[in-house]
Amino acid sequence: MKFLTVLPVYNEAGHVTSVLNEVVSYARDVLVVDDGSSDGTTQLLDQRSDIAQIRHPENYGYGAALRTAFDYAILQCYDVVVTIDCDGQHEPQRIHKLVDACQQADIVSGSRYLCPNQSNGQAPAERMQINREVTQELNRRLGLSLTDAFCGFKAYRTHSLAQLELTESGYAMPLELWVQAVHHELHIVEMPVPLIYLEEKRSFGGQLDSGKARRRYYYSVLDRAEAAAAQNASQHISRVCSAIGP
């Protein structure tokens, strides 16, 4: 299958070169979406001839960067798009395993919690607790059995992505994606990936660095996504009934 590997990037000057050097050894077609970086990341990317780039003029958000990448992959007729973060927490040598698994699934999602013995480092306790809580709530509402709703290391069949209408620009975009994936009855599988956390402080940006604010944000996006899916389902039923007639 023809696949594209995508890295959404924002102010990753400390990691982008080393991560990309490894990624390009496992993936021929690589796209970096530079989401308005201002720390020198852009200049480092401009030195490379082995990747494609799309640059946002300002920081639109993680979800917006992924939407840009999905649109590019669909327009360029890739079969599969793989997303991998640029902070050194994912192993590029696993890219082909995710792509291969997409032969039997619409979405293959990495899980950092399926094989705890592969862990290297420890996520902040509050972050792990919020992720676990939101994943459990997602499973309860949607009838899923995910163990890791937020892992950025994923593979998607592009024809399946084309069915989705994603609007969320921030870090909670995966929640909107899960809701729509269930609504469209996409086949989802998880694949174990190592839990790797670096000894450095990572920011969600502004007020989202507060655990309470982040939790509220996640639930608000989940609520909106469910409401939108329910409305779309109702509209679909109305169209079908109108077509059938009395």
Protein backbone atom coordinates (compact mmCIF):
# COMPACT_ATOMS: atom_id res chain seq x y z
CA MET A 1 0.00 0.00 0.00
CA LYS A 2 1.13 3.52 -0.77
CA PHE A 3 1.47 5.37 2.53
CA LEU A 4 2.36 8.83 3.77
CA THR A 5 4.03 9.46 7.12
CA VAL A 6 3.00 12.74 8.74
CA LEU A 7 4.53 14.73 11.57
CA PRO A 8 2.62 17.70 13.02
CA VAL A 9 5.27 20.06 14.37
CA TYR A 10 5.19 23.12 16.59
CA ASN A 11 8.38 24.54 18.10
CA GLU A 12 10.35 21.28 18.03
CA ALA A 13 13.80 22.64 17.15
CA GLY A 14 15.35 20.41 19.79
CA HIS A 15 13.95 17.20 18.27
CA VAL A 16 12.95 17.73 14.65
CA THR A 17 16.29 16.92 13.00
CA SER A 18 17.03 13.73 14.91
CA VAL A 19 13.45 12.47 14.65
CA LEU A 20 13.21 13.14 10.91
CA ASN A 21 16.61 11.52 10.28
CA GLU A 22 15.16 8.33 11.72
CA VAL A 23 11.71 8.62 10.16
CA VAL A 24 13.03 8.98 6.60
CA SER A 25 14.96 5.73 6.99
CA TYR A 26 11.64 3.88 7.41
CA ALA A 27 9.32 5.94 5.21
CA ARG A 28 9.83 7.20 1.68
CA ASP A 29 7.05 9.80 1.64
CA VAL A 30 7.15 12.13 4.65
CA LEU A 31 5.11 15.28 5.22
CA VAL A 32 5.79 17.78 8.00
CA VAL A 33 3.02 20.22 8.88
CA ASP A 34 4.75 23.15 10.56
CA ASP A 35 2.02 24.68 12.69
CA GLY A 36 3.43 28.21 12.94
CA SER A 37 6.74 27.41 14.69
CA SER A 38 8.79 30.37 15.89
CA ASP A 39 11.80 28.72 17.56
CA GLY A 40 13.95 27.87 14.54
CA THR A 41 12.10 24.71 13.56
CA THR A 42 11.12 26.24 10.23
CA GLN A 43 14.72 27.02 9.33
CA LEU A 44 15.78 23.46 10.15
CA LEU A 45 13.02 22.07 7.96
CA ASP A 46 14.03 24.35 5.09
CA GLN A 47 17.46 22.72 5.05
CA ARG A 48 15.97 19.35 4.10
CA SER A 49 15.20 18.03 0.64
CA ASP A 50 13.90 14.62 1.74
CA ILE A 51 10.50 15.74 3.06
CA ALA A 52 7.42 17.64 1.92
CA GLN A 53 6.30 20.62 3.96
CA ILE A 54 3.12 22.54 4.60
CA ARG A 55 3.44 25.61 6.78
CA HIS A 56 0.66 27.26 8.75
CA PRO A 57 1.21 31.03 9.04
CA GLU A 58 0.39 30.83 12.73
CA ASN A 59 -0.23 28.24 15.40
CA TYR A 60 -3.68 26.81 14.63
CA GLY A 61 -3.42 23.75 16.87
CA TYR A 62 -2.61 20.04 16.85
CA GLY A 63 -5.95 19.03 15.40
CA ALA A 64 -5.70 21.64 12.65
CA ALA A 65 -2.25 20.34 11.68
CA LEU A 66 -3.60 16.80 11.41
CA ARG A 67 -6.59 17.95 9.34
CA THR A 68 -4.19 19.62 6.91
CA ALA A 69 -2.21 16.38 6.69
CA PHE A 70 -5.32 14.25 6.17
CA ASP A 71 -6.52 16.51 3.36
CA TYR A 72 -3.11 16.31 1.68
CA ALA A 73 -3.03 12.50 1.92
CA ILE A 74 -6.53 12.20 0.46
CA LEU A 75 -5.82 14.60 -2.41
CA GLN A 76 -2.54 12.85 -3.23
CA CYS A 77 -4.32 9.47 -3.33
CA TYR A 78 -2.36 7.70 -0.59
CA ASP A 79 -3.86 4.46 0.67
CA VAL A 80 -2.74 4.98 4.26
CA VAL A 81 -1.55 7.91 6.35
CA VAL A 82 0.58 7.35 9.45
CA THR A 83 0.83 10.04 12.12
CA ILE A 84 3.82 10.22 14.42
CA ASP A 85 4.75 12.90 16.94
CA CYS A 86 7.99 14.83 16.66
CA ASP A 87 9.02 14.81 20.31
CA GLY A 88 10.98 11.56 20.32
CA GLN A 89 8.29 9.53 22.10
CA HIS A 90 7.50 7.19 19.19
CA GLU A 91 9.64 4.61 17.42
CA PRO A 92 9.69 5.09 13.62
CA GLN A 93 10.74 1.48 13.07
CA ARG A 94 7.14 0.52 13.92
CA ILE A 95 5.66 2.53 11.03
CA HIS A 96 5.46 -0.46 8.69
CA LYS A 97 3.69 -2.56 11.31
CA LEU A 98 0.93 0.02 11.57
CA VAL A 99 0.66 0.26 7.78
CA ASP A 100 0.44 -3.53 7.43
CA ALA A 101 -2.29 -3.69 10.07
CA CYS A 102 -4.35 -1.22 8.01
CA GLN A 103 -4.97 -3.99 5.51
CA GLN A 104 -7.52 -5.33 8.01
CA ALA A 105 -8.64 -2.13 9.74
CA ASP A 106 -9.69 1.45 9.06
CA ILE A 107 -7.78 2.87 12.03
CA VAL A 108 -4.80 1.29 13.77
CA SER A 109 -4.10 3.16 16.99
CA GLY A 110 -0.96 2.82 19.05
CA SER A 111 -1.49 2.06 22.72
CA ARG A 112 1.12 2.82 25.35
CA TYR A 113 -0.71 0.73 27.94
CA LEU A 114 -1.18 -2.66 26.27
CA CYS A 115 2.36 -3.81 27.12
CA PRO A 116 3.50 -2.08 30.32
CA ASN A 117 6.81 -3.98 30.29
CA GLN A 118 7.85 -1.92 27.25
CA SER A 119 7.72 1.33 29.22
CA ASN A 120 10.66 3.71 29.23
CA GLY A 121 10.04 6.59 31.58
CA GLN A 122 6.86 7.63 33.34
CA ALA A 123 4.19 10.10 32.29
CA PRO A 124 3.19 12.76 34.85
CA ALA A 125 0.64 11.24 37.21
CA GLU A 126 -2.03 13.87 36.53
CA ARG A 127 -1.71 13.44 32.76
CA MET A 128 -2.02 9.67 33.03
CA GLN A 129 -5.05 9.96 35.30
CA ILE A 130 -6.87 12.36 32.97
CA ASN A 131 -6.08 10.25 29.90
CA ARG A 132 -7.26 7.10 31.66
CA GLU A 133 -10.47 8.76 32.87
CA VAL A 134 -11.34 10.21 29.47
CA THR A 135 -10.56 6.93 27.71
CA GLN A 136 -12.89 5.09 30.08
CA GLU A 137 -15.65 7.65 29.50
CA LEU A 138 -15.15 7.40 25.74
CA ASN A 139 -15.49 3.61 25.94
CA ARG A 140 -18.61 3.89 28.07
CA ARG A 141 -20.34 6.30 25.71
CA LEU A 142 -19.31 4.70 22.42
CA GLY A 143 -19.10 1.01 23.27
CA LEU A 144 -15.39 0.86 22.51
CA SER A 145 -12.63 -0.95 24.39
CA LEU A 146 -9.73 1.42 23.86
CA THR A 147 -6.85 1.49 26.31
CA ASP A 148 -5.25 4.71 25.01
CA ALA A 149 -7.46 7.36 23.40
CA PHE A 150 -4.72 9.94 22.95
CA CYS A 151 -1.69 8.20 21.44
CA GLY A 152 -0.51 10.19 18.41
CA PHE A 153 1.08 7.18 16.71
CA LYS A 154 -1.68 5.93 14.38
CA ALA A 155 -2.39 4.67 10.87
CA TYR A 156 -5.56 5.43 8.93
CA ARG A 157 -6.97 4.25 5.62
CA THR A 158 -7.48 7.45 3.69
CA HIS A 159 -10.78 6.37 2.14
CA SER A 160 -12.09 6.04 5.70
CA LEU A 161 -10.74 9.45 6.72
CA ALA A 162 -12.56 10.95 3.74
CA GLN A 163 -15.87 10.04 5.41
CA LEU A 164 -15.12 12.20 8.46
CA GLU A 165 -15.84 15.90 8.93
CA LEU A 166 -13.36 16.94 11.59
CA THR A 167 -13.57 20.48 12.94
CA GLU A 168 -11.69 20.46 16.26
CA SER A 169 -8.36 22.28 16.03
CA GLY A 170 -6.86 21.49 19.42
CA TYR A 171 -5.49 18.50 21.31
CA ALA A 172 -8.97 17.00 21.77
CA MET A 173 -9.41 16.35 18.05
CA PRO A 174 -8.86 12.57 18.60
CA LEU A 175 -12.05 12.52 20.70
CA GLU A 176 -14.05 13.99 17.82
CA LEU A 177 -12.41 11.47 15.51
CA TRP A 178 -13.38 8.50 17.73
CA VAL A 179 -17.00 9.65 17.86
CA GLN A 180 -17.20 10.01 14.08
CA ALA A 181 -15.37 6.72 13.52
CA VAL A 182 -18.00 4.89 15.56
CA HIS A 183 -20.79 6.80 13.80
CA HIS A 184 -19.42 5.60 10.44
CA GLU A 185 -18.85 2.07 11.77
CA LEU A 186 -15.12 2.10 11.05
CA HIS A 187 -13.05 -0.89 12.13
CA ILE A 188 -10.65 0.13 14.91
CA VAL A 189 -7.78 -1.89 16.35
CA GLU A 190 -5.06 -1.05 18.85
CA MET A 191 -1.41 -2.02 18.57
CA PRO A 192 1.02 -1.93 21.48
CA VAL A 193 3.76 0.70 21.31
CA PRO A 194 6.31 1.53 24.01
CA LEU A 195 5.50 4.12 26.64
CA ILE A 196 8.40 6.55 26.22
CA TYR A 197 8.52 9.82 28.13
CA LEU A 198 11.43 12.20 28.03
CA GLU A 199 12.75 14.06 31.03
CA GLU A 200 11.51 17.46 29.92
CA LYS A 201 8.49 19.62 30.56
CA ARG A 202 5.87 19.57 27.80
CA SER A 203 3.16 22.19 27.49
CA PHE A 204 -0.40 21.92 26.18
CA GLY A 205 -0.43 25.69 25.82
CA GLY A 206 -1.97 28.38 28.00
CA GLN A 207 -4.75 27.36 30.36
CA LEU A 208 -4.67 23.73 29.17
CA ASP A 209 -1.55 23.19 31.26
CA SER A 210 -4.06 23.07 34.13
CA GLY A 211 -5.38 19.57 34.56
CA LYS A 212 -8.84 20.81 35.51
CA ALA A 213 -9.07 23.02 32.42
CA ARG A 214 -7.83 20.22 30.19
CA ARG A 215 -10.40 17.80 31.57
CA ARG A 216 -13.22 20.31 30.99
CA TYR A 217 -11.98 20.91 27.45
CA TYR A 218 -11.87 17.19 26.65
CA TYR A 219 -15.40 16.61 27.91
CA SER A 220 -16.78 19.65 26.09
CA VAL A 221 -15.34 18.41 22.78
CA LEU A 222 -16.71 14.92 23.42
CA ASP A 223 -20.16 16.35 24.17
CA ARG A 224 -20.15 18.48 21.02
CA ALA A 225 -18.95 15.62 18.84
CA GLU A 226 -21.69 13.31 20.13
CA ALA A 227 -24.35 15.97 19.62
CA ALA A 228 -23.17 16.58 16.05
CA ALA A 229 -23.14 12.85 15.27
CA ALA A 230 -26.67 12.46 16.64
CA GLN A 231 -27.87 15.39 14.54
CA ASN A 232 -26.26 13.96 11.41
CA ALA A 233 -27.88 10.60 12.07
CA SER A 234 -31.28 12.26 12.50
CA GLN A 235 -30.87 14.21 9.26
CA HIS A 236 -29.88 11.03 7.45
CA ILE A 237 -33.01 9.24 8.66
CA SER A 238 -35.15 12.19 7.56
CA ARG A 239 -33.60 12.13 4.07
CA VAL A 240 -34.20 8.39 3.77
CA CYS A 241 -37.82 8.73 4.90
CA SER A 242 -38.38 11.57 2.42
CA ALA A 243 -36.92 9.51 -0.41
CA ILE A 244 -39.11 6.52 0.42
CA GLY A 245 -42.22 8.65 0.73
CA PRO A 246 -45.43 7.99 2.69
